[in-house]
Amino acid sequence: MTRIDSYEDLTENIVRWLKDYYYDNNSVKAFVIGVSGGIDSAVVSSLCARTGLPTYVVCMPLESKFENSRLSDVHSKALVEKYDNVERIEVELFSSYDSLLKSIDWWTEKGEYTSSEHANANTKSRMRMVTLYQIAGTVGGIVVGTGNKVEDYGVGFYTKYGDGGVDISPIADCNKTEVWEIGKELGILNEIIEAAPTDGLWDDGRTDEGQLGLKYHELEEAMDN
């Protein structure tokens, strides 16, 4: 079942909503978005860029797979070239992450983490959230979330106080398959649209669908029933 009649109209409506939110809140001076190399952050950062309002796209490599970092770089740099209102920031977080785990004293003589893999992955997400809010506080901006209807608001596939810690969520009512269509409407790089979604928090490069145990269209069908 198709919910969207026109992705052009949907795109324009979200951009209009972002602009209305900005102008209706005098304290908001900019949009701040973390760019991971995935479709959700590519779409949200592009929507914010299209508003013509101050937009900061933040790349935060943290033990990320090379392909994720490469796509994040390509997309963020393309936005800077296309839009005068976009500024790109890159923050290297590994040294801070490494120092944190060492300070907790869960570190063996072999130099291996002995804490939970799952806890480590969530810590990466939370460090990115802290980074985004530090930048937002500095520029007087708000953190724009990249969560979609299926992952964040359907099955709860996000990190509490990590990527779930945001101020607004422009694609919160969009299914994952709809986000891909918005990406096409926005002219997002095909490599990003076609790449298997991943949160980039694991060393083994596991995909989101692999962690969820279902395909996105299956999740959407279940949510519709």
Protein backbone atom coordinates (compact mmCIF):
# COMPACT_ATOMS: atom_id res chain seq x y z
CA MET A 1 0.00 0.00 0.00
CA THR A 2 1.43 3.33 -1.10
CA ARG A 3 0.94 6.16 1.40
CA ILE A 4 2.74 8.89 -0.55
CA ASP A 5 1.18 10.42 -3.68
CA SER A 6 4.09 12.74 -4.48
CA TYR A 7 7.60 12.59 -3.08
CA GLU A 8 8.24 16.02 -4.51
CA ASP A 9 5.40 17.42 -2.42
CA LEU A 10 6.52 15.47 0.64
CA THR A 11 10.04 16.83 0.32
CA GLU A 12 8.79 20.39 -0.02
CA ASN A 13 6.48 19.94 2.97
CA ILE A 14 9.30 18.73 5.22
CA VAL A 15 11.55 21.61 4.13
CA ARG A 16 8.69 24.03 4.82
CA TRP A 17 8.14 22.45 8.26
CA LEU A 18 11.83 22.87 9.11
CA LYS A 19 11.74 26.52 8.11
CA ASP A 20 8.56 27.14 10.10
CA TYR A 21 10.13 25.50 13.16
CA TYR A 22 13.23 27.65 12.79
CA TYR A 23 11.35 30.93 12.46
CA ASP A 24 8.78 30.07 15.14
CA ASN A 25 11.56 29.55 17.70
CA ASN A 26 13.67 32.67 18.06
CA SER A 27 16.35 30.83 20.02
CA VAL A 28 17.16 28.50 17.11
CA LYS A 29 20.10 29.77 15.07
CA ALA A 30 21.13 26.64 13.14
CA PHE A 31 20.50 22.99 12.36
CA VAL A 32 23.13 20.46 13.48
CA ILE A 33 23.12 16.95 11.97
CA GLY A 34 25.43 13.99 12.35
CA VAL A 35 26.26 12.46 8.96
CA SER A 36 27.08 8.75 9.02
CA GLY A 37 27.17 7.82 5.35
CA GLY A 38 23.74 6.20 5.51
CA ILE A 39 20.49 7.10 3.77
CA ASP A 40 18.68 8.56 6.80
CA SER A 41 21.35 11.12 7.69
CA ALA A 42 21.93 11.90 4.00
CA VAL A 43 18.24 12.68 3.53
CA VAL A 44 17.87 14.74 6.71
CA SER A 45 21.04 16.76 6.10
CA SER A 46 19.92 17.45 2.53
CA LEU A 47 16.47 18.57 3.68
CA CYS A 48 18.05 20.94 6.20
CA ALA A 49 20.44 22.25 3.57
CA ARG A 50 17.54 23.00 1.23
CA THR A 51 15.99 25.35 3.77
CA GLY A 52 18.75 27.87 3.05
CA LEU A 53 19.23 28.25 6.81
CA PRO A 54 22.52 27.75 8.71
CA THR A 55 23.24 24.02 8.69
CA TYR A 56 26.17 22.18 10.25
CA VAL A 57 26.86 18.65 9.04
CA VAL A 58 29.12 16.73 11.41
CA CYS A 59 31.26 13.72 10.50
CA MET A 60 32.34 11.69 13.52
CA PRO A 61 34.50 8.73 12.54
CA LEU A 62 34.78 6.30 15.43
CA GLU A 63 36.07 2.88 14.42
CA SER A 64 33.76 3.22 11.43
CA LYS A 65 34.10 0.98 8.42
CA PHE A 66 36.02 2.65 5.60
CA GLU A 67 33.00 2.67 3.30
CA ASN A 68 30.80 4.45 5.86
CA SER A 69 33.44 7.13 6.44
CA ARG A 70 34.01 7.53 2.70
CA LEU A 71 30.31 8.01 1.94
CA SER A 72 29.98 10.41 4.87
CA ASP A 73 32.86 12.48 3.50
CA VAL A 74 31.55 12.45 -0.07
CA HIS A 75 28.02 13.43 0.92
CA SER A 76 28.97 16.16 3.40
CA LYS A 77 31.48 17.73 1.02
CA ALA A 78 28.93 17.66 -1.79
CA LEU A 79 26.46 19.57 0.41
CA VAL A 80 29.09 22.21 1.17
CA GLU A 81 29.78 22.66 -2.54
CA LYS A 82 26.08 22.88 -3.42
CA TYR A 83 24.76 25.03 -0.57
CA ASP A 84 26.30 28.24 0.77
CA ASN A 85 24.47 27.80 4.08
CA VAL A 86 26.15 24.46 4.92
CA GLU A 87 29.30 24.08 7.01
CA ARG A 88 31.08 20.76 7.44
CA ILE A 89 32.73 19.76 10.72
CA GLU A 90 34.78 16.62 11.32
CA VAL A 91 35.42 15.43 14.86
CA GLU A 92 37.70 12.45 15.53
CA LEU A 93 36.34 10.61 18.57
CA PHE A 94 38.47 7.49 18.85
CA SER A 95 41.03 8.99 21.25
CA SER A 96 38.25 10.13 23.60
CA TYR A 97 36.49 6.77 23.35
CA ASP A 98 39.73 4.89 23.96
CA SER A 99 40.55 7.07 26.95
CA LEU A 100 37.09 6.58 28.45
CA LEU A 101 37.23 2.80 28.33
CA LYS A 102 40.73 2.80 29.76
CA SER A 103 39.69 5.07 32.61
CA ILE A 104 36.91 2.67 33.55
CA ASP A 105 39.68 0.12 34.11
CA TRP A 106 38.21 -2.57 31.88
CA TRP A 107 41.39 -2.89 29.93
CA THR A 108 43.60 -5.96 29.75
CA GLU A 109 47.35 -6.13 29.33
CA LYS A 110 46.74 -7.33 25.78
CA GLY A 111 45.05 -4.03 24.99
CA GLU A 112 41.61 -5.51 24.48
CA TYR A 113 38.31 -4.21 25.75
CA THR A 114 36.84 -6.50 28.37
CA SER A 115 33.54 -4.66 28.70
CA SER A 116 30.41 -5.68 26.80
CA GLU A 117 30.50 -5.28 23.02
CA HIS A 118 26.94 -4.01 23.16
CA ALA A 119 27.82 -1.44 25.83
CA ASN A 120 30.77 -0.27 23.75
CA ALA A 121 28.59 0.18 20.68
CA ASN A 122 26.06 2.25 22.64
CA THR A 123 28.87 4.35 24.13
CA LYS A 124 29.99 5.27 20.62
CA SER A 125 26.50 6.48 19.79
CA ARG A 126 26.28 8.48 23.03
CA MET A 127 29.64 10.13 22.42
CA ARG A 128 28.37 11.25 19.03
CA MET A 129 25.26 12.68 20.67
CA VAL A 130 27.36 14.63 23.20
CA THR A 131 29.48 15.96 20.33
CA LEU A 132 26.45 17.16 18.41
CA TYR A 133 25.01 18.93 21.45
CA GLN A 134 28.34 20.58 22.19
CA ILE A 135 28.41 21.98 18.66
CA ALA A 136 24.72 22.93 18.80
CA GLY A 137 25.27 24.75 22.08
CA THR A 138 28.23 26.60 20.61
CA VAL A 139 26.40 27.82 17.48
CA GLY A 140 22.98 28.28 19.10
CA GLY A 141 21.52 25.40 17.11
CA ILE A 142 19.38 22.33 17.63
CA VAL A 143 20.25 18.70 16.98
CA VAL A 144 18.20 17.32 14.12
CA GLY A 145 17.42 13.62 14.40
CA THR A 146 17.71 11.13 11.57
CA GLY A 147 15.39 8.44 12.94
CA ASN A 148 12.64 7.05 10.73
CA LYS A 149 9.23 5.58 11.59
CA VAL A 150 10.29 1.94 11.40
CA GLU A 151 13.53 1.93 13.38
CA ASP A 152 13.14 4.63 15.99
CA TYR A 153 9.39 4.84 16.40
CA GLY A 154 8.33 1.33 15.39
CA VAL A 155 10.69 -1.25 16.88
CA GLY A 156 12.89 1.01 19.03
CA PHE A 157 16.10 0.30 17.13
CA TYR A 158 18.22 3.15 18.47
CA THR A 159 20.51 3.97 21.38
CA LYS A 160 18.87 5.61 24.39
CA TYR A 161 20.60 8.96 24.98
CA GLY A 162 22.57 8.31 21.80
CA ASP A 163 21.06 8.70 18.33
CA GLY A 164 17.73 8.85 20.17
CA GLY A 165 18.81 12.09 21.87
CA VAL A 166 17.62 14.80 19.46
CA ASP A 167 15.51 17.95 19.39
CA ILE A 168 13.42 17.40 16.25
CA SER A 169 12.89 14.46 13.87
CA PRO A 170 11.90 15.52 10.33
CA ILE A 171 11.46 11.98 8.95
CA ALA A 172 9.88 10.42 12.05
CA ASP A 173 6.66 9.63 10.14
CA CYS A 174 8.45 8.18 7.10
CA ASN A 175 8.90 4.46 6.58
CA LYS A 176 12.38 3.29 5.58
CA THR A 177 11.26 2.52 2.03
CA GLU A 178 9.86 6.05 1.83
CA VAL A 179 13.15 7.50 3.02
CA TRP A 180 14.87 5.79 0.09
CA GLU A 181 12.34 7.39 -2.28
CA ILE A 182 12.91 10.82 -0.73
CA GLY A 183 16.62 10.23 -1.26
CA LYS A 184 16.00 9.70 -4.97
CA GLU A 185 13.90 12.87 -5.09
CA LEU A 186 16.74 14.80 -3.45
CA GLY A 187 19.36 13.37 -5.79
CA ILE A 188 21.26 11.54 -3.04
CA LEU A 189 24.29 9.60 -4.25
CA ASN A 190 23.22 6.19 -5.60
CA GLU A 191 25.91 4.48 -3.55
CA ILE A 192 24.22 5.72 -0.39
CA ILE A 193 20.74 4.74 -1.57
CA GLU A 194 21.86 1.26 -2.56
CA ALA A 195 24.13 0.59 0.44
CA ALA A 196 22.89 -1.87 3.05
CA PRO A 197 21.85 0.24 6.09
CA THR A 198 24.16 -0.08 9.09
CA ASP A 199 24.55 1.85 12.31
CA GLY A 200 28.34 1.72 11.95
CA LEU A 201 28.86 0.85 15.62
CA TRP A 202 30.27 -2.66 15.21
CA ASP A 203 33.69 -3.81 14.05
CA ASP A 204 32.23 -6.67 11.99
CA GLY A 205 30.17 -4.35 9.77
CA ARG A 206 26.83 -5.99 10.60
CA THR A 207 23.79 -4.54 8.85
CA ASP A 208 20.66 -3.10 10.43
CA GLU A 209 18.40 -5.74 8.84
CA GLY A 210 20.77 -8.42 10.12
CA GLN A 211 20.39 -7.11 13.66
CA LEU A 212 16.65 -6.66 13.35
CA GLY A 213 16.14 -10.13 11.91
CA LEU A 214 13.66 -8.90 9.30
CA LYS A 215 13.66 -6.96 6.05
CA TYR A 216 12.35 -3.40 6.18
CA HIS A 217 9.37 -4.16 3.98
CA GLU A 218 8.44 -6.99 6.36
CA LEU A 219 8.61 -4.66 9.35
CA GLU A 220 6.49 -2.08 7.55
CA GLU A 221 3.88 -4.70 6.66
CA ALA A 222 3.73 -5.80 10.30
CA MET A 223 3.35 -2.20 11.48
CA ASP A 224 0.52 -1.59 9.00
CA ASN A 225 -1.45 -4.62 10.23
